[in-house]
Amino acid sequence: MAGFVDEAQLHVKGGDGGAGAVAFRREAHVPLGGPDGGDGGDGGDVWLVASTSHASLLAFQDQPYRKAGDGRHGQGKRRHGARGADLEVPVPVGTTVKDRDGSVLADLAVAGDRWRAARGGRGGQGNARFASARRRAPDFAEQGEPGEDRWLRLELRLVADVALVGLPNVGKSTLISRVSAARPKVADYPFNTLRPHLGVVRVGQGPKEVEFVLADVPGLVEGAAEGRGLGHRFLRHVERARVLCLLLDLADGLAPPPAAQADILLRELGRYQPELLTRPRVLVGSRADLAGDSTPPPGVELVVSAVRGTGLPALLTRLAELVEEARAAEGPGPRPPLVVYRPLEQDLVVEPAGPGRWVVGGAAASRAVALSDLTSDQALELVERRLRRLGVERALRRAGAQDGDEVVLGPLQFTYHRDDVVVPVPKRPSRRKDLR
């Protein structure tokens, strides 16, 4: 597990929507065939999928960018563009997705959980969609909408049956290397383990065999719940464990008394998440080969020496029993639903951009002006009607806009007049036309 990574940044980009086509039917013996431009295809979505085939976020460390396919443009003869391909990004089970500000967006705790990280842009409508009794030959179409584009923070909380918890340098790495195939770095100094390790342990044979996952969590220090010693990064790997195995150092003169160690560990676990204190746990005396007294201290259930291998069979049997009891208590039950935290999309946003200047944004506002030719009288008429329905004038009045203020909405700019019709004007002065 030398390449284990439990935090990563991810940039997701939904596919851009295809543009609608401006086309007219041109065939022999068919005069005034009319508009027949097809619609553009929607852009693909980016999905994060919890997978048991991945155990680390290493894949995002050097390549954090993921983008879905773009929609194809529409064509003449009402041929619509194809939809862009969705992109599925596998992440380890237990991955929490956060926004850049730290707010939780999704928790992919069960294999198969899916969450849409970036929505693809909507395809633009072709000019055939805008034909009406008043507008017989529309000479414009909608542009494709850009796909959603944002950065995310991924944090991995290990999904293990048993978590080894203890102060630094109490023998956790040596223990997991003796009972599983995990090969963490082992050295005789504190904070040797800086990243968690997973190992699979099998106890018993035949139908009575029990298999569980053991996690070696980096050593905790007093104050870990407040973040001391990277405590939050380490403690989060304990959250999903069914059973806690607290290792207490028995070596003479090299650590606090076992009772004091237990108090520190339980206090930090309770401060970080009180629910952890209700988990099944076993207190184990570690490094018995360095202890002068072989009598187990009060409160210590088992005594082991990972170097000599003494006490390990009894420890594994006890852990297997606790894991089986925890699994039975959970029961099969229904699969927990995927919980997604997602803010509502804002359709209209009005923000000041300096004295006498306002910027109007939002998904719906951007779509209202996303036309291919904003110098067309027909297109401007449609934009004006869309902005009326959207309530742009009312939103500007509530924001405090005054007569004569300049308003910018995407590629359009216009002058605001209270209780008057909002009429957008293209930016290019040579083609600017006052329609009021």
Protein backbone atom coordinates (compact mmCIF):
# COMPACT_ATOMS: atom_id res chain seq x y z
CA MET A 1 0.00 0.00 0.00
CA ALA A 2 2.95 2.34 -0.60
CA GLY A 3 0.85 4.29 -3.09
CA PHE A 4 -2.16 4.75 -0.82
CA VAL A 5 -3.74 8.20 -1.17
CA ASP A 6 -6.76 9.19 0.93
CA GLU A 7 -7.21 12.81 -0.19
CA ALA A 8 -7.33 14.20 -3.71
CA GLN A 9 -8.60 17.08 -5.79
CA LEU A 10 -10.83 16.32 -8.79
CA HIS A 11 -11.87 18.61 -11.63
CA VAL A 12 -15.02 17.47 -13.43
CA LYS A 13 -16.42 18.94 -16.62
CA GLY A 14 -19.72 17.95 -18.16
CA GLY A 15 -19.87 17.77 -21.94
CA ASP A 16 -20.92 20.88 -23.83
CA GLY A 17 -24.25 20.78 -25.62
CA GLY A 18 -24.28 20.85 -29.39
CA ALA A 19 -25.53 23.92 -31.24
CA GLY A 20 -28.81 23.95 -33.09
CA ALA A 21 -28.65 24.32 -36.86
CA VAL A 22 -29.91 27.16 -39.00
CA ALA A 23 -31.08 25.54 -42.23
CA PHE A 24 -33.89 25.79 -44.74
CA ARG A 25 -35.38 23.14 -46.92
CA ARG A 26 -34.02 23.45 -50.43
CA GLU A 27 -35.39 20.97 -52.92
CA ALA A 28 -36.50 21.11 -56.50
CA HIS A 29 -40.16 21.95 -56.99
CA VAL A 30 -40.54 22.82 -53.27
CA PRO A 31 -40.76 26.61 -53.07
CA LEU A 32 -40.45 28.19 -49.63
CA GLY A 33 -39.61 24.88 -47.97
CA GLY A 34 -39.27 26.52 -44.59
CA PRO A 35 -36.81 26.05 -41.71
CA ASP A 36 -35.57 22.53 -41.00
CA GLY A 37 -32.54 22.95 -38.74
CA GLY A 38 -32.13 20.12 -36.22
CA ASP A 39 -31.39 20.36 -32.49
CA GLY A 40 -27.97 19.88 -30.95
CA GLY A 41 -27.37 16.90 -28.68
CA ASP A 42 -27.03 17.22 -24.91
CA GLY A 43 -23.58 16.95 -23.38
CA GLY A 44 -22.67 13.87 -21.34
CA ASP A 45 -22.69 13.76 -17.53
CA VAL A 46 -19.80 12.87 -15.22
CA TRP A 47 -20.74 10.22 -12.64
CA LEU A 48 -18.74 9.11 -9.61
CA VAL A 49 -19.32 5.41 -8.94
CA ALA A 50 -18.27 3.59 -5.75
CA SER A 51 -16.24 0.54 -6.76
CA THR A 52 -14.67 -2.29 -4.79
CA SER A 53 -11.97 -2.59 -7.46
CA HIS A 54 -10.27 0.59 -6.21
CA ALA A 55 -8.78 1.02 -2.75
CA SER A 56 -7.07 4.40 -3.08
CA LEU A 57 -7.42 7.83 -4.67
CA LEU A 58 -4.00 7.50 -6.28
CA ALA A 59 -5.48 7.76 -9.79
CA PHE A 60 -6.39 11.43 -9.18
CA GLN A 61 -3.08 12.57 -7.75
CA ASP A 62 -1.36 13.31 -11.07
CA GLN A 63 -4.39 13.33 -13.40
CA PRO A 64 -7.23 15.18 -11.64
CA TYR A 65 -9.16 16.13 -14.79
CA ARG A 66 -12.21 14.20 -16.00
CA LYS A 67 -14.48 15.33 -18.86
CA ALA A 68 -17.58 13.80 -20.45
CA GLY A 69 -18.30 13.78 -24.17
CA ASP A 70 -19.70 16.80 -26.01
CA GLY A 71 -23.02 16.72 -27.82
CA ARG A 72 -22.98 16.85 -31.61
CA HIS A 73 -24.34 19.82 -33.53
CA GLY A 74 -27.67 19.70 -35.29
CA GLN A 75 -27.87 19.55 -39.08
CA GLY A 76 -30.28 20.36 -41.86
CA LYS A 77 -33.29 18.19 -42.73
CA ARG A 78 -34.18 18.18 -38.99
CA ARG A 79 -31.30 15.88 -38.15
CA HIS A 80 -30.61 16.14 -34.43
CA GLY A 81 -27.13 15.83 -33.00
CA ALA A 82 -26.16 12.79 -30.95
CA ARG A 83 -25.92 13.03 -27.17
CA GLY A 84 -22.44 13.14 -25.67
CA ALA A 85 -21.19 10.02 -23.90
CA ASP A 86 -21.46 9.91 -20.09
CA LEU A 87 -18.26 9.35 -18.17
CA GLU A 88 -18.19 7.02 -15.15
CA VAL A 89 -15.33 7.69 -12.76
CA PRO A 90 -14.71 4.81 -10.30
CA VAL A 91 -13.79 5.79 -6.75
CA PRO A 92 -13.16 3.59 -3.70
CA VAL A 93 -16.08 2.63 -1.50
CA GLY A 94 -16.13 5.04 1.42
CA THR A 95 -15.33 8.18 -0.61
CA THR A 96 -16.84 11.43 0.61
CA VAL A 97 -17.25 14.20 -1.98
CA LYS A 98 -16.94 17.79 -0.80
CA ASP A 99 -17.13 21.19 -2.42
CA ARG A 100 -14.14 23.52 -2.35
CA ASP A 101 -15.57 25.22 0.74
CA GLY A 102 -15.77 21.90 2.61
CA SER A 103 -19.54 21.33 2.37
CA VAL A 104 -20.50 17.67 1.87
CA LEU A 105 -22.07 16.88 -1.51
CA ALA A 106 -22.27 13.08 -1.43
CA ASP A 107 -21.12 10.07 0.57
CA LEU A 108 -20.45 6.96 -1.56
CA ALA A 109 -20.47 4.43 1.26
CA VAL A 110 -21.87 1.38 -0.54
CA ALA A 111 -20.54 -0.38 -3.64
CA GLY A 112 -22.54 0.72 -6.66
CA ASP A 113 -23.53 4.14 -5.31
CA ARG A 114 -23.60 6.72 -8.10
CA TRP A 115 -23.53 10.49 -7.93
CA ARG A 116 -23.65 12.96 -10.79
CA ALA A 117 -20.66 15.21 -10.26
CA ALA A 118 -21.10 17.39 -13.34
CA ARG A 119 -24.19 17.81 -15.50
CA GLY A 120 -23.79 18.02 -19.25
CA GLY A 121 -24.93 21.13 -21.08
CA ARG A 122 -28.28 21.17 -22.82
CA GLY A 123 -28.25 21.06 -26.61
CA GLY A 124 -29.49 24.10 -28.49
CA GLN A 125 -32.70 24.10 -30.49
CA GLY A 126 -32.57 24.39 -34.26
CA ASN A 127 -34.36 27.12 -36.14
CA ALA A 128 -37.21 24.75 -37.00
CA ARG A 129 -38.25 24.96 -33.31
CA PHE A 130 -38.82 28.72 -33.52
CA ALA A 131 -41.14 28.73 -36.52
CA SER A 132 -44.57 30.17 -35.81
CA ALA A 133 -47.39 31.95 -37.57
CA ARG A 134 -45.65 35.29 -36.97
CA ARG A 135 -42.11 34.00 -37.47
CA ARG A 136 -42.27 31.99 -40.68
CA ALA A 137 -38.53 31.85 -41.45
CA PRO A 138 -36.44 32.20 -38.25
CA ASP A 139 -32.83 32.91 -39.13
CA PHE A 140 -31.35 31.98 -35.75
CA ALA A 141 -30.92 28.93 -33.52
CA GLU A 142 -29.83 28.25 -29.95
CA GLN A 143 -26.23 27.69 -29.01
CA GLY A 144 -25.33 24.66 -26.93
CA GLU A 145 -25.12 25.16 -23.18
CA PRO A 146 -21.66 24.68 -21.59
CA GLY A 147 -21.31 21.69 -19.31
CA GLU A 148 -21.02 22.11 -15.56
CA ASP A 149 -17.43 22.78 -14.56
CA ARG A 150 -16.06 22.63 -11.01
CA TRP A 151 -13.41 21.37 -8.60
CA LEU A 152 -14.20 18.80 -5.93
CA ARG A 153 -12.41 17.44 -2.88
CA LEU A 154 -12.36 13.69 -2.40
CA GLU A 155 -11.73 12.16 1.01
CA LEU A 156 -11.53 8.43 1.60
CA ARG A 157 -12.72 6.84 4.82
CA LEU A 158 -11.59 3.25 4.91
CA VAL A 159 -14.31 0.61 5.08
CA ALA A 160 -12.79 -2.00 7.41
CA ASP A 161 -14.19 -4.51 9.89
CA VAL A 162 -11.54 -3.87 12.55
CA ALA A 163 -9.45 -0.74 13.15
CA LEU A 164 -6.19 -0.92 15.08
CA VAL A 165 -6.05 2.20 17.26
CA GLY A 166 -3.19 3.20 19.52
CA LEU A 167 -0.57 5.77 20.37
CA PRO A 168 2.45 6.07 18.05
CA ASN A 169 4.98 3.22 18.06
CA VAL A 170 2.87 0.60 19.88
CA GLY A 171 3.34 -2.15 17.28
CA LYS A 172 0.30 -1.75 15.02
CA SER A 173 2.27 -2.11 11.78
CA THR A 174 4.14 -5.15 13.07
CA LEU A 175 0.87 -6.76 14.14
CA ILE A 176 -0.89 -6.32 10.78
CA SER A 177 2.18 -7.61 8.93
CA ARG A 178 2.12 -10.80 11.04
CA VAL A 179 -1.57 -11.63 10.62
CA SER A 180 -2.13 -10.58 6.98
CA ALA A 181 -0.33 -10.08 3.69
CA ALA A 182 -0.05 -6.31 4.24
CA ARG A 183 3.55 -5.12 4.31
CA PRO A 184 3.70 -1.67 5.87
CA LYS A 185 6.98 -0.02 6.74
CA VAL A 186 8.11 -1.13 10.21
CA ALA A 187 10.63 0.94 12.19
CA ASP A 188 11.39 1.68 15.83
CA TYR A 189 10.39 5.33 16.03
CA PRO A 190 7.12 7.24 16.52
CA PHE A 191 4.93 8.15 13.54
CA ASN A 192 6.55 5.54 11.35
CA THR A 193 3.10 4.97 9.78
CA LEU A 194 1.79 8.08 8.04
CA ARG A 195 -0.84 6.37 5.87
CA PRO A 196 -3.35 3.67 6.81
CA HIS A 197 -2.90 0.10 5.60
CA LEU A 198 -5.43 -2.65 4.98
CA GLY A 199 -4.97 -6.36 5.45
CA VAL A 200 -7.30 -9.32 4.99
CA VAL A 201 -7.36 -11.80 7.90
CA ARG A 202 -8.79 -15.33 7.78
CA VAL A 203 -9.62 -17.20 10.97
CA GLY A 204 -10.73 -20.84 11.09
CA GLN A 205 -11.22 -23.35 8.29
CA GLY A 206 -14.01 -24.68 6.11
CA PRO A 207 -17.56 -23.49 6.83
CA LYS A 208 -16.43 -21.90 10.11
CA GLU A 209 -13.87 -19.68 8.40
CA VAL A 210 -14.30 -15.98 9.09
CA GLU A 211 -12.71 -13.36 6.85
CA PHE A 212 -12.44 -9.73 7.87
CA VAL A 213 -10.54 -6.60 6.88
CA LEU A 214 -8.08 -5.13 9.37
CA ALA A 215 -7.00 -1.47 9.15
CA ASP A 216 -3.75 -0.14 10.57
CA VAL A 217 -4.54 3.48 11.47
CA PRO A 218 -1.60 5.88 12.04
CA GLY A 219 -0.88 6.62 15.68
CA LEU A 220 -3.04 9.07 17.59
CA VAL A 221 -1.77 11.67 20.02
CA GLU A 222 -3.51 13.60 22.76
CA GLY A 223 -5.49 16.39 21.11
CA ALA A 224 -6.06 14.43 17.89
CA ALA A 225 -9.78 15.28 17.93
CA GLU A 226 -8.82 18.96 17.63
CA GLY A 227 -6.55 18.19 14.67
CA ARG A 228 -3.25 17.86 16.51
CA GLY A 229 -0.81 15.54 14.75
CA LEU A 230 -3.09 15.34 11.67
CA GLY A 231 -5.67 13.81 13.96
CA HIS A 232 -8.71 14.47 11.75
CA ARG A 233 -7.03 12.82 8.78
CA PHE A 234 -6.30 9.73 10.88
CA LEU A 235 -9.51 9.56 12.90
CA ARG A 236 -11.80 9.58 9.87
CA HIS A 237 -10.52 6.11 8.93
CA VAL A 238 -11.99 4.78 12.18
CA GLU A 239 -15.54 6.01 11.49
CA ARG A 240 -16.73 3.03 9.43
CA ALA A 241 -15.01 0.24 11.38
CA ARG A 242 -17.32 -2.31 13.01
CA VAL A 243 -14.89 -3.19 15.82
CA LEU A 244 -12.14 -1.18 17.50
CA CYS A 245 -8.97 -2.88 18.70
CA LEU A 246 -7.14 -0.58 21.12
CA LEU A 247 -3.45 -1.45 21.41
CA LEU A 248 -1.80 -0.42 24.68
CA ASP A 249 1.97 -0.41 24.93
CA LEU A 250 3.24 -2.62 27.80
CA ALA A 251 6.95 -1.87 27.30
CA ASP A 252 8.60 -0.79 30.56
CA GLY A 253 9.44 2.91 30.75
CA LEU A 254 8.72 3.59 27.04
CA ALA A 255 5.11 4.76 27.25
CA PRO A 256 2.50 6.00 29.76
CA PRO A 257 0.77 3.34 31.89
CA PRO A 258 -1.78 1.24 29.94
CA ALA A 259 -4.69 2.80 31.85
CA ALA A 260 -3.52 6.30 30.88
CA GLN A 261 -3.14 5.23 27.24
CA ALA A 262 -6.68 3.85 27.21
CA ASP A 263 -8.03 7.09 28.70
CA ILE A 264 -6.29 9.16 26.01
CA LEU A 265 -7.56 6.99 23.15
CA LEU A 266 -11.16 6.82 24.39
CA ARG A 267 -11.24 10.53 25.13
CA GLU A 268 -10.04 11.45 21.64
CA LEU A 269 -12.45 9.02 19.99
CA GLY A 270 -15.35 10.43 21.99
CA ARG A 271 -14.43 14.02 21.19
CA TYR A 272 -14.18 13.29 17.49
CA GLN A 273 -17.39 11.26 17.26
CA PRO A 274 -19.26 10.16 20.42
CA GLU A 275 -20.86 7.26 18.55
CA LEU A 276 -17.44 5.56 18.36
CA LEU A 277 -17.57 4.85 22.09
CA THR A 278 -20.56 2.55 21.55
CA ARG A 279 -18.71 0.35 19.04
CA PRO A 280 -17.57 -3.12 20.15
CA ARG A 281 -13.97 -2.87 21.28
CA VAL A 282 -11.24 -4.95 22.83
CA LEU A 283 -8.28 -3.63 24.85
CA VAL A 284 -5.07 -5.45 23.98
CA GLY A 285 -1.68 -5.17 25.62
CA SER A 286 1.02 -4.92 22.94
CA ARG A 287 4.79 -5.55 22.92
CA ALA A 288 4.58 -8.02 25.78
CA ASP A 289 8.15 -9.13 24.96
CA LEU A 290 9.40 -5.79 26.34
CA ALA A 291 7.27 -5.93 29.50
CA GLY A 292 8.89 -6.91 32.76
CA ASP A 293 5.64 -8.15 34.31
CA SER A 294 3.68 -10.77 32.34
CA THR A 295 0.48 -10.15 34.36
CA PRO A 296 -2.15 -8.33 32.26
CA PRO A 297 -2.91 -4.86 33.66
CA PRO A 298 -6.47 -4.13 34.87
CA GLY A 299 -8.90 -3.67 32.00
CA VAL A 300 -6.65 -5.33 29.41
CA GLU A 301 -8.40 -8.35 27.90
CA LEU A 302 -5.52 -9.90 25.94
CA VAL A 303 -1.75 -9.60 25.84
CA VAL A 304 0.21 -10.15 22.61
CA SER A 305 3.70 -9.90 21.19
CA ALA A 306 3.67 -9.42 17.43
CA VAL A 307 7.43 -10.00 17.23
CA ARG A 308 7.27 -13.41 18.93
CA GLY A 309 3.75 -14.26 17.75
CA THR A 310 2.46 -14.99 21.22
CA GLY A 311 -1.22 -14.31 21.89
CA LEU A 312 -2.06 -13.67 18.22
CA PRO A 313 -4.36 -16.70 17.69
CA ALA A 314 -6.45 -15.74 20.71
CA LEU A 315 -6.63 -12.12 19.53
CA LEU A 316 -7.75 -13.06 16.03
CA THR A 317 -10.38 -15.44 17.39
CA ARG A 318 -11.75 -12.72 19.64
CA LEU A 319 -11.82 -10.17 16.81
CA ALA A 320 -13.56 -12.66 14.50
CA GLU A 321 -16.25 -13.22 17.14
CA LEU A 322 -16.88 -9.49 17.52
CA VAL A 323 -16.99 -8.98 13.75
CA GLU A 324 -19.51 -11.80 13.32
CA GLU A 325 -21.69 -10.35 16.08
CA ALA A 326 -21.54 -6.87 14.53
CA ARG A 327 -22.44 -8.22 11.09
CA ALA A 328 -25.34 -10.21 12.52
CA ALA A 329 -26.62 -7.14 14.37
CA GLU A 330 -26.60 -5.15 11.14
CA GLY A 331 -28.53 -7.87 9.32
CA PRO A 332 -29.10 -7.93 5.58
CA GLY A 333 -31.87 -5.32 5.64
CA PRO A 334 -32.62 -2.99 2.75
CA ARG A 335 -29.75 -1.29 1.00
CA PRO A 336 -29.34 2.22 2.45
CA PRO A 337 -30.30 4.90 -0.06
CA LEU A 338 -27.68 7.17 -1.52
CA VAL A 339 -27.75 10.48 0.31
CA VAL A 340 -26.89 13.46 -1.87
CA TYR A 341 -26.45 17.00 -0.58
CA ARG A 342 -26.97 19.43 -3.42
CA PRO A 343 -27.83 23.16 -3.43
CA LEU A 344 -30.72 24.31 -5.56
CA GLU A 345 -29.79 25.75 -8.92
CA GLN A 346 -30.24 29.51 -9.13
CA ASP A 347 -32.11 30.53 -12.26
CA LEU A 348 -31.61 34.28 -11.85
CA VAL A 349 -28.85 36.14 -10.04
CA VAL A 350 -28.36 39.93 -10.01
CA GLU A 351 -25.05 41.27 -8.68
CA PRO A 352 -23.54 44.79 -8.68
CA ALA A 353 -20.45 45.24 -10.85
CA GLY A 354 -19.54 48.81 -9.95
CA PRO A 355 -21.34 52.17 -9.82
CA GLY A 356 -24.32 52.13 -12.14
CA ARG A 357 -23.50 48.67 -13.50
CA TRP A 358 -25.19 45.30 -12.88
CA VAL A 359 -24.50 41.75 -13.99
CA VAL A 360 -27.35 39.27 -14.45
CA GLY A 361 -26.46 35.57 -14.31
CA GLY A 362 -27.89 32.15 -13.61
CA ALA A 363 -28.60 29.07 -15.69
CA ALA A 364 -32.01 30.19 -16.95
CA ALA A 365 -30.79 33.72 -17.71
CA SER A 366 -27.85 32.37 -19.69
CA ARG A 367 -30.12 30.06 -21.67
CA ALA A 368 -32.46 32.94 -22.45
CA VAL A 369 -29.79 34.74 -24.50
CA ALA A 370 -27.94 31.72 -25.89
CA LEU A 371 -28.91 32.36 -29.51
CA SER A 372 -26.68 32.10 -32.56
CA ASP A 373 -27.33 35.57 -33.98
CA LEU A 374 -28.17 38.31 -31.53
CA THR A 375 -28.18 40.93 -34.28
CA SER A 376 -31.35 39.44 -35.75
CA ASP A 377 -34.55 41.35 -35.04
CA GLN A 378 -36.39 38.06 -34.63
CA ALA A 379 -33.83 36.78 -32.11
CA LEU A 380 -33.96 39.99 -30.06
CA GLU A 381 -37.75 39.81 -29.96
CA LEU A 382 -37.54 36.27 -28.59
CA VAL A 383 -34.91 37.27 -26.01
CA GLU A 384 -37.08 40.16 -24.83
CA ARG A 385 -40.05 37.85 -24.30
CA ARG A 386 -37.90 35.32 -22.43
CA LEU A 387 -36.49 37.98 -20.11
CA ARG A 388 -39.99 39.25 -19.38
CA ARG A 389 -41.11 35.78 -18.33
CA LEU A 390 -37.98 35.33 -16.26
CA GLY A 391 -38.62 38.52 -14.27
CA VAL A 392 -35.34 40.29 -15.00
CA GLU A 393 -36.87 43.76 -14.65
CA ARG A 394 -38.42 42.91 -11.27
CA ALA A 395 -35.15 41.38 -10.03
CA LEU A 396 -33.18 44.48 -11.04
CA ARG A 397 -35.65 46.76 -9.27
CA ARG A 398 -35.40 44.71 -6.07
CA ALA A 399 -31.60 44.79 -6.25
CA GLY A 400 -31.65 48.59 -6.36
CA ALA A 401 -31.03 49.39 -10.03
CA GLN A 402 -31.75 52.98 -11.05
CA ASP A 403 -32.81 54.49 -14.37
CA GLY A 404 -29.86 54.73 -16.72
CA ASP A 405 -27.84 51.93 -15.11
CA GLU A 406 -26.03 49.58 -17.46
CA VAL A 407 -26.98 45.90 -17.30
CA VAL A 408 -24.84 43.08 -18.69
CA LEU A 409 -26.33 39.67 -19.38
CA GLY A 410 -23.90 37.35 -21.14
CA PRO A 411 -23.24 38.78 -24.62
CA LEU A 412 -25.94 41.46 -24.18
CA GLN A 413 -25.89 44.87 -22.57
CA PHE A 414 -28.76 47.28 -22.18
CA THR A 415 -29.81 50.36 -20.24
CA TYR A 416 -32.28 49.87 -17.43
CA HIS A 417 -35.39 52.07 -17.17
CA ARG A 418 -37.75 51.56 -14.27
CA ASP A 419 -41.27 50.40 -15.19
CA ASP A 420 -40.18 50.10 -18.79
CA VAL A 421 -39.64 47.18 -21.07
CA VAL A 422 -36.20 45.64 -20.82
CA VAL A 423 -34.83 45.55 -24.35
CA PRO A 424 -31.38 44.01 -24.83
CA VAL A 425 -28.92 45.47 -27.28
CA PRO A 426 -25.95 43.58 -28.79
CA LYS A 427 -22.49 44.70 -27.77
CA ARG A 428 -21.29 45.43 -31.29
CA PRO A 429 -22.00 49.17 -31.86
CA SER A 430 -22.10 48.82 -35.64
CA ARG A 431 -25.08 46.48 -35.47
CA ARG A 432 -26.75 47.99 -32.39
CA LYS A 433 -30.43 48.71 -32.80
CA ASP A 434 -32.89 50.29 -30.39
CA LEU A 435 -36.10 48.33 -30.58
CA ARG A 436 -38.09 50.32 -28.10
